[in-house]
Amino acid sequence: MNAQPTHADCIGQYLKLRNFIAARQEAFDKEMQPYQDAMKALEDWGGGVLNQLAGDDDAKASLATPQGTMYRKKTLSVKVADREDWMDFIFDGRREGFLTSAVSKEAVVEYMDQYKSVPPGIETAWIRKTLFNSPKK
């Protein structure tokens, strides 16, 4: 006769699997670190070579070989360093084009708590996710 697993059995098995995966991932990451370090060293070396070949001319910043091609791609990193100055710039000059439609979940929850409604133009859905915690020791 097959007995149904108990709640404790299922929770325990989930935690056992999660811990096994975490340990294997940690071991894998540690094993891969020398390879990632070697790739980073080659990227740094390649950056130096491309700088020597092309300087600031990104159109010429590539090197094709029978083994493969190395090239440089220019991207721009942007972050807000001073939120108050940034918001003044946006709203004092009607520069809404600088903004995306990303929404702060925390601000929406606060609005919903205060006004008992969803902000205009926003859809919300509460999602329930089943999580597991190890027992406290």
N, C-alpha and C. Protein backbone atom coordinates (compact mmCIF):
# COMPACT_ATOMS: atom_id res chain seq x y z
N MET A 1 0.85 -1.19 0.00
CA MET A 1 0.00 0.00 0.00
C MET A 1 0.89 1.24 0.00
N ASN A 2 0.65 2.12 -0.94
CA ASN A 2 1.42 3.37 -1.05
C ASN A 2 0.76 4.46 -0.22
N ALA A 3 1.48 4.95 0.76
CA ALA A 3 0.96 6.05 1.58
C ALA A 3 1.25 7.37 0.89
N GLN A 4 0.34 8.27 1.00
CA GLN A 4 0.54 9.62 0.45
C GLN A 4 1.61 10.32 1.28
N PRO A 5 2.49 11.07 0.63
CA PRO A 5 3.48 11.82 1.40
C PRO A 5 2.78 12.89 2.25
N THR A 6 3.35 13.15 3.39
CA THR A 6 2.78 14.17 4.26
C THR A 6 3.19 15.56 3.77
N HIS A 7 2.56 16.57 4.32
CA HIS A 7 2.96 17.95 4.01
C HIS A 7 4.43 18.14 4.35
N ALA A 8 4.83 17.63 5.50
CA ALA A 8 6.23 17.76 5.93
C ALA A 8 7.17 17.07 4.95
N ASP A 9 6.76 15.89 4.43
CA ASP A 9 7.58 15.18 3.45
C ASP A 9 7.80 16.03 2.20
N CYS A 10 6.74 16.62 1.68
CA CYS A 10 6.83 17.41 0.44
C CYS A 10 7.65 18.68 0.65
N ILE A 11 7.42 19.36 1.76
CA ILE A 11 8.19 20.58 2.04
C ILE A 11 9.65 20.22 2.23
N GLY A 12 9.92 19.17 2.98
CA GLY A 12 11.29 18.73 3.20
C GLY A 12 11.98 18.36 1.90
N GLN A 13 11.27 17.66 1.01
CA GLN A 13 11.85 17.27 -0.28
C GLN A 13 12.16 18.49 -1.13
N TYR A 14 11.26 19.47 -1.14
CA TYR A 14 11.50 20.70 -1.89
C TYR A 14 12.77 21.39 -1.39
N LEU A 15 12.88 21.53 -0.08
CA LEU A 15 14.06 22.19 0.51
C LEU A 15 15.34 21.40 0.21
N LYS A 16 15.25 20.08 0.26
CA LYS A 16 16.40 19.25 -0.04
C LYS A 16 16.85 19.48 -1.49
N LEU A 17 15.91 19.52 -2.42
CA LEU A 17 16.23 19.76 -3.83
C LEU A 17 16.82 21.15 -4.04
N ARG A 18 16.21 22.15 -3.40
CA ARG A 18 16.70 23.53 -3.53
C ARG A 18 18.14 23.63 -3.01
N ASN A 19 18.40 23.03 -1.86
CA ASN A 19 19.75 23.07 -1.29
C ASN A 19 20.76 22.32 -2.15
N PHE A 20 20.33 21.21 -2.74
CA PHE A 20 21.21 20.45 -3.63
C PHE A 20 21.58 21.29 -4.85
N ILE A 21 20.59 21.93 -5.46
CA ILE A 21 20.84 22.78 -6.63
C ILE A 21 21.75 23.95 -6.26
N ALA A 22 21.50 24.57 -5.11
CA ALA A 22 22.33 25.71 -4.69
C ALA A 22 23.78 25.27 -4.49
N ALA A 23 23.98 24.11 -3.88
CA ALA A 23 25.34 23.62 -3.66
C ALA A 23 26.02 23.30 -4.98
N ARG A 24 25.29 22.68 -5.89
CA ARG A 24 25.87 22.35 -7.20
C ARG A 24 26.16 23.62 -7.99
N GLN A 25 25.27 24.61 -7.89
CA GLN A 25 25.50 25.88 -8.60
C GLN A 25 26.73 26.58 -8.06
N GLU A 26 26.88 26.57 -6.73
CA GLU A 26 28.06 27.19 -6.11
C GLU A 26 29.33 26.48 -6.55
N ALA A 27 29.30 25.16 -6.60
CA ALA A 27 30.47 24.40 -7.04
C ALA A 27 30.76 24.69 -8.51
N PHE A 28 29.72 24.76 -9.32
CA PHE A 28 29.89 25.05 -10.74
C PHE A 28 30.48 26.44 -10.94
N ASP A 29 29.93 27.43 -10.23
CA ASP A 29 30.44 28.80 -10.34
C ASP A 29 31.92 28.86 -9.95
N LYS A 30 32.27 28.15 -8.90
CA LYS A 30 33.67 28.12 -8.46
C LYS A 30 34.55 27.46 -9.51
N GLU A 31 34.07 26.38 -10.09
CA GLU A 31 34.82 25.68 -11.13
C GLU A 31 34.99 26.56 -12.38
N MET A 32 33.98 27.35 -12.70
CA MET A 32 34.02 28.19 -13.91
C MET A 32 34.81 29.48 -13.72
N GLN A 33 35.08 29.88 -12.48
CA GLN A 33 35.74 31.16 -12.22
C GLN A 33 37.06 31.34 -12.97
N PRO A 34 37.95 30.34 -13.01
CA PRO A 34 39.20 30.54 -13.77
C PRO A 34 38.94 30.79 -15.26
N TYR A 35 37.94 30.16 -15.81
CA TYR A 35 37.60 30.35 -17.22
C TYR A 35 37.03 31.75 -17.45
N GLN A 36 36.17 32.19 -16.52
CA GLN A 36 35.63 33.55 -16.63
C GLN A 36 36.74 34.58 -16.48
N ASP A 37 37.68 34.32 -15.57
CA ASP A 37 38.82 35.22 -15.40
C ASP A 37 39.67 35.26 -16.67
N ALA A 38 39.88 34.09 -17.29
CA ALA A 38 40.66 34.03 -18.53
C ALA A 38 39.95 34.79 -19.65
N MET A 39 38.62 34.65 -19.75
CA MET A 39 37.87 35.39 -20.76
C MET A 39 37.97 36.89 -20.52
N LYS A 40 37.90 37.32 -19.26
CA LYS A 40 38.02 38.75 -18.93
C LYS A 40 39.40 39.27 -19.32
N ALA A 41 40.43 38.48 -19.05
CA ALA A 41 41.79 38.88 -19.41
C ALA A 41 41.92 39.02 -20.92
N LEU A 42 41.30 38.10 -21.68
CA LEU A 42 41.34 38.20 -23.14
C LEU A 42 40.54 39.39 -23.65
N GLU A 43 39.40 39.69 -23.00
CA GLU A 43 38.63 40.88 -23.37
C GLU A 43 39.45 42.15 -23.14
N ASP A 44 40.12 42.21 -22.00
CA ASP A 44 40.97 43.37 -21.70
C ASP A 44 42.10 43.49 -22.72
N TRP A 45 42.75 42.36 -23.04
CA TRP A 45 43.81 42.35 -24.04
C TRP A 45 43.25 42.83 -25.38
N GLY A 46 42.09 42.28 -25.76
CA GLY A 46 41.47 42.66 -27.04
C GLY A 46 41.12 44.13 -27.09
N GLY A 47 40.65 44.67 -25.97
CA GLY A 47 40.35 46.10 -25.92
C GLY A 47 41.59 46.92 -26.18
N GLY A 48 42.71 46.49 -25.61
CA GLY A 48 43.97 47.20 -25.86
C GLY A 48 44.39 47.13 -27.31
N VAL A 49 44.25 45.94 -27.91
CA VAL A 49 44.61 45.78 -29.33
C VAL A 49 43.73 46.66 -30.20
N LEU A 50 42.42 46.65 -29.95
CA LEU A 50 41.51 47.46 -30.77
C LEU A 50 41.76 48.95 -30.56
N ASN A 51 42.12 49.35 -29.35
CA ASN A 51 42.46 50.76 -29.11
C ASN A 51 43.69 51.15 -29.92
N GLN A 52 44.68 50.27 -30.00
CA GLN A 52 45.88 50.56 -30.80
C GLN A 52 45.54 50.64 -32.28
N LEU A 53 44.68 49.75 -32.75
CA LEU A 53 44.34 49.72 -34.18
C LEU A 53 43.42 50.87 -34.60
N ALA A 54 42.42 51.17 -33.76
CA ALA A 54 41.36 52.08 -34.20
C ALA A 54 41.30 53.37 -33.40
N GLY A 55 41.93 53.45 -32.24
CA GLY A 55 41.79 54.65 -31.43
C GLY A 55 40.33 54.90 -31.09
N ASP A 56 39.84 56.10 -31.40
CA ASP A 56 38.44 56.44 -31.12
C ASP A 56 37.50 56.15 -32.29
N ASP A 57 38.03 55.63 -33.39
CA ASP A 57 37.22 55.36 -34.58
C ASP A 57 36.53 54.00 -34.44
N ASP A 58 35.33 54.00 -33.91
CA ASP A 58 34.62 52.75 -33.66
C ASP A 58 34.31 51.98 -34.94
N ALA A 59 34.21 52.66 -36.07
CA ALA A 59 33.92 51.98 -37.34
C ALA A 59 35.07 51.06 -37.73
N LYS A 60 36.28 51.36 -37.29
CA LYS A 60 37.44 50.55 -37.63
C LYS A 60 37.86 49.62 -36.51
N ALA A 61 37.06 49.53 -35.47
CA ALA A 61 37.43 48.77 -34.28
C ALA A 61 37.00 47.31 -34.40
N SER A 62 37.59 46.60 -35.35
CA SER A 62 37.35 45.17 -35.47
C SER A 62 38.59 44.51 -36.05
N LEU A 63 38.71 43.22 -35.79
CA LEU A 63 39.85 42.46 -36.27
C LEU A 63 39.34 41.07 -36.63
N ALA A 64 39.36 40.75 -37.93
CA ALA A 64 38.89 39.45 -38.41
C ALA A 64 40.08 38.53 -38.61
N THR A 65 39.94 37.30 -38.14
CA THR A 65 40.98 36.28 -38.32
C THR A 65 40.28 34.99 -38.76
N PRO A 66 41.03 34.00 -39.22
CA PRO A 66 40.41 32.71 -39.55
C PRO A 66 39.75 32.04 -38.34
N GLN A 67 40.21 32.38 -37.13
CA GLN A 67 39.65 31.80 -35.91
C GLN A 67 38.37 32.51 -35.44
N GLY A 68 38.15 33.71 -35.92
CA GLY A 68 36.98 34.47 -35.50
C GLY A 68 37.26 35.96 -35.56
N THR A 69 36.29 36.75 -35.20
CA THR A 69 36.40 38.20 -35.26
C THR A 69 36.26 38.79 -33.87
N MET A 70 37.06 39.80 -33.63
CA MET A 70 36.97 40.57 -32.38
C MET A 70 36.55 41.98 -32.78
N TYR A 71 35.59 42.54 -32.08
CA TYR A 71 35.16 43.89 -32.39
C TYR A 71 34.74 44.62 -31.14
N ARG A 72 34.62 45.91 -31.27
CA ARG A 72 34.24 46.77 -30.15
C ARG A 72 32.89 47.37 -30.47
N LYS A 73 32.05 47.44 -29.48
CA LYS A 73 30.73 48.05 -29.62
C LYS A 73 30.60 49.13 -28.56
N LYS A 74 30.23 50.31 -28.97
CA LYS A 74 30.10 51.44 -28.05
C LYS A 74 28.65 51.51 -27.54
N THR A 75 28.50 51.52 -26.22
CA THR A 75 27.19 51.68 -25.61
C THR A 75 27.27 52.78 -24.56
N LEU A 76 26.14 53.30 -24.20
CA LEU A 76 26.08 54.37 -23.21
C LEU A 76 25.43 53.85 -21.94
N SER A 77 26.09 54.02 -20.83
CA SER A 77 25.54 53.67 -19.53
C SER A 77 24.93 54.93 -18.93
N VAL A 78 23.68 54.82 -18.45
CA VAL A 78 22.98 55.97 -17.89
C VAL A 78 22.39 55.59 -16.54
N LYS A 79 22.60 56.44 -15.54
CA LYS A 79 21.95 56.24 -14.25
C LYS A 79 21.68 57.60 -13.63
N VAL A 80 20.70 57.67 -12.77
CA VAL A 80 20.36 58.91 -12.09
C VAL A 80 21.30 59.08 -10.90
N ALA A 81 22.07 60.16 -10.91
CA ALA A 81 23.01 60.44 -9.82
C ALA A 81 22.38 61.35 -8.78
N ASP A 82 21.49 62.25 -9.21
CA ASP A 82 20.82 63.18 -8.30
C ASP A 82 19.34 63.23 -8.69
N ARG A 83 18.52 62.47 -7.99
CA ARG A 83 17.11 62.33 -8.34
C ARG A 83 16.38 63.67 -8.36
N GLU A 84 16.63 64.53 -7.39
CA GLU A 84 15.93 65.82 -7.33
C GLU A 84 16.26 66.68 -8.55
N ASP A 85 17.53 66.79 -8.89
CA ASP A 85 17.91 67.56 -10.08
C ASP A 85 17.28 66.96 -11.34
N TRP A 86 17.29 65.65 -11.41
CA TRP A 86 16.73 64.97 -12.59
C TRP A 86 15.23 65.26 -12.72
N MET A 87 14.49 65.15 -11.64
CA MET A 87 13.04 65.38 -11.68
C MET A 87 12.74 66.85 -12.00
N ASP A 88 13.53 67.75 -11.44
CA ASP A 88 13.34 69.17 -11.78
C ASP A 88 13.54 69.39 -13.28
N PHE A 89 14.58 68.80 -13.84
CA PHE A 89 14.86 68.91 -15.27
C PHE A 89 13.69 68.39 -16.10
N ILE A 90 13.14 67.25 -15.70
CA ILE A 90 12.05 66.64 -16.47
C ILE A 90 10.78 67.47 -16.38
N PHE A 91 10.34 67.79 -15.18
CA PHE A 91 9.01 68.38 -15.01
C PHE A 91 8.98 69.89 -15.17
N ASP A 92 10.09 70.57 -14.92
CA ASP A 92 10.11 72.02 -15.14
C ASP A 92 10.14 72.34 -16.62
N GLY A 93 10.69 71.45 -17.42
CA GLY A 93 10.82 71.73 -18.85
C GLY A 93 9.91 70.88 -19.72
N ARG A 94 8.97 70.17 -19.10
CA ARG A 94 8.06 69.29 -19.85
C ARG A 94 8.86 68.36 -20.77
N ARG A 95 9.81 67.65 -20.20
CA ARG A 95 10.67 66.75 -20.96
C ARG A 95 10.31 65.29 -20.66
N GLU A 96 9.05 64.94 -20.71
CA GLU A 96 8.60 63.59 -20.39
C GLU A 96 9.17 62.54 -21.33
N GLY A 97 9.69 62.95 -22.49
CA GLY A 97 10.28 62.01 -23.43
C GLY A 97 11.49 61.27 -22.87
N PHE A 98 12.08 61.80 -21.80
CA PHE A 98 13.21 61.14 -21.15
C PHE A 98 12.77 59.95 -20.30
N LEU A 99 11.49 59.85 -20.03
CA LEU A 99 10.99 58.82 -19.13
C LEU A 99 10.47 57.61 -19.90
N THR A 100 10.52 56.45 -19.25
CA THR A 100 9.93 55.24 -19.81
C THR A 100 8.64 54.95 -19.07
N SER A 101 7.98 53.88 -19.45
CA SER A 101 6.71 53.56 -18.80
C SER A 101 6.88 52.55 -17.66
N ALA A 102 8.10 52.40 -17.14
CA ALA A 102 8.30 51.53 -15.98
C ALA A 102 7.56 52.14 -14.79
N VAL A 103 7.05 51.29 -13.93
CA VAL A 103 6.24 51.75 -12.81
C VAL A 103 6.83 51.21 -11.51
N SER A 104 6.89 52.05 -10.50
CA SER A 104 7.34 51.62 -9.18
C SER A 104 6.20 50.85 -8.50
N LYS A 105 6.43 49.57 -8.24
CA LYS A 105 5.41 48.77 -7.57
C LYS A 105 5.11 49.32 -6.19
N GLU A 106 6.16 49.76 -5.49
CA GLU A 106 5.96 50.28 -4.15
C GLU A 106 5.05 51.51 -4.16
N ALA A 107 5.26 52.40 -5.12
CA ALA A 107 4.43 53.60 -5.21
C ALA A 107 2.98 53.24 -5.54
N VAL A 108 2.77 52.25 -6.40
CA VAL A 108 1.41 51.81 -6.74
C VAL A 108 0.73 51.23 -5.52
N VAL A 109 1.43 50.40 -4.75
CA VAL A 109 0.84 49.80 -3.54
C VAL A 109 0.48 50.90 -2.55
N GLU A 110 1.36 51.87 -2.36
CA GLU A 110 1.06 52.98 -1.45
C GLU A 110 -0.18 53.74 -1.91
N TYR A 111 -0.27 54.02 -3.21
CA TYR A 111 -1.43 54.73 -3.77
C TYR A 111 -2.70 53.91 -3.53
N MET A 112 -2.62 52.60 -3.82
CA MET A 112 -3.79 51.74 -3.64
C MET A 112 -4.21 51.69 -2.18
N ASP A 113 -3.24 51.62 -1.27
CA ASP A 113 -3.57 51.61 0.16
C ASP A 113 -4.25 52.92 0.57
N GLN A 114 -3.74 54.03 0.06
CA GLN A 114 -4.26 55.33 0.46
C GLN A 114 -5.62 55.63 -0.17
N TYR A 115 -5.77 55.35 -1.48
CA TYR A 115 -6.97 55.76 -2.21
C TYR A 115 -7.94 54.63 -2.50
N LYS A 116 -7.58 53.42 -2.12
CA LYS A 116 -8.43 52.24 -2.32
C LYS A 116 -8.82 52.07 -3.78
N SER A 117 -7.92 52.46 -4.68
CA SER A 117 -8.13 52.28 -6.11
C SER A 117 -6.77 52.21 -6.79
N VAL A 118 -6.80 51.81 -8.05
CA VAL A 118 -5.58 51.71 -8.84
C VAL A 118 -5.32 53.04 -9.53
N PRO A 119 -4.08 53.49 -9.63
CA PRO A 119 -3.81 54.74 -10.35
C PRO A 119 -4.33 54.66 -11.79
N PRO A 120 -4.77 55.77 -12.34
CA PRO A 120 -5.28 55.77 -13.72
C PRO A 120 -4.24 55.25 -14.71
N GLY A 121 -4.71 54.42 -15.64
CA GLY A 121 -3.83 53.91 -16.69
C GLY A 121 -3.00 52.71 -16.30
N ILE A 122 -3.19 52.22 -15.10
CA ILE A 122 -2.40 51.09 -14.59
C ILE A 122 -3.32 49.89 -14.40
N GLU A 123 -2.81 48.71 -14.76
CA GLU A 123 -3.49 47.46 -14.43
C GLU A 123 -2.66 46.74 -13.40
N THR A 124 -3.31 46.11 -12.44
CA THR A 124 -2.58 45.35 -11.43
C THR A 124 -3.16 43.95 -11.34
N ALA A 125 -2.37 43.04 -10.89
CA ALA A 125 -2.82 41.68 -10.62
C ALA A 125 -1.94 41.14 -9.50
N TRP A 126 -2.56 40.68 -8.45
CA TRP A 126 -1.80 40.05 -7.38
C TRP A 126 -1.48 38.63 -7.82
N ILE A 127 -0.24 38.26 -7.68
CA ILE A 127 0.22 36.93 -8.07
C ILE A 127 0.67 36.21 -6.82
N ARG A 128 0.19 35.01 -6.66
CA ARG A 128 0.60 34.22 -5.50
C ARG A 128 1.65 33.21 -5.96
N LYS A 129 2.76 33.19 -5.27
CA LYS A 129 3.84 32.27 -5.57
C LYS A 129 4.10 31.45 -4.32
N THR A 130 4.25 30.16 -4.50
CA THR A 130 4.51 29.27 -3.37
C THR A 130 6.01 29.26 -3.10
N LEU A 131 6.38 29.57 -1.87
CA LEU A 131 7.78 29.64 -1.46
C LEU A 131 8.03 28.68 -0.32
N PHE A 132 9.29 28.35 -0.08
CA PHE A 132 9.64 27.43 0.98
C PHE A 132 10.80 28.02 1.79
N ASN A 133 10.76 27.85 3.09
CA ASN A 133 11.84 28.24 3.99
C ASN A 133 12.30 27.04 4.79
N SER A 134 13.57 27.00 5.06
CA SER A 134 14.11 25.96 5.92
C SER A 134 13.64 26.22 7.35
N PRO A 135 13.56 25.16 8.16
CA PRO A 135 13.16 25.39 9.55
C PRO A 135 14.24 26.19 10.28
N LYS A 136 13.79 26.97 11.25
CA LYS A 136 14.75 27.76 12.05
C LYS A 136 15.51 26.80 12.96
N LYS A 137 16.78 27.10 13.12
CA LYS A 137 17.61 26.22 13.93
C LYS A 137 17.81 26.78 15.30
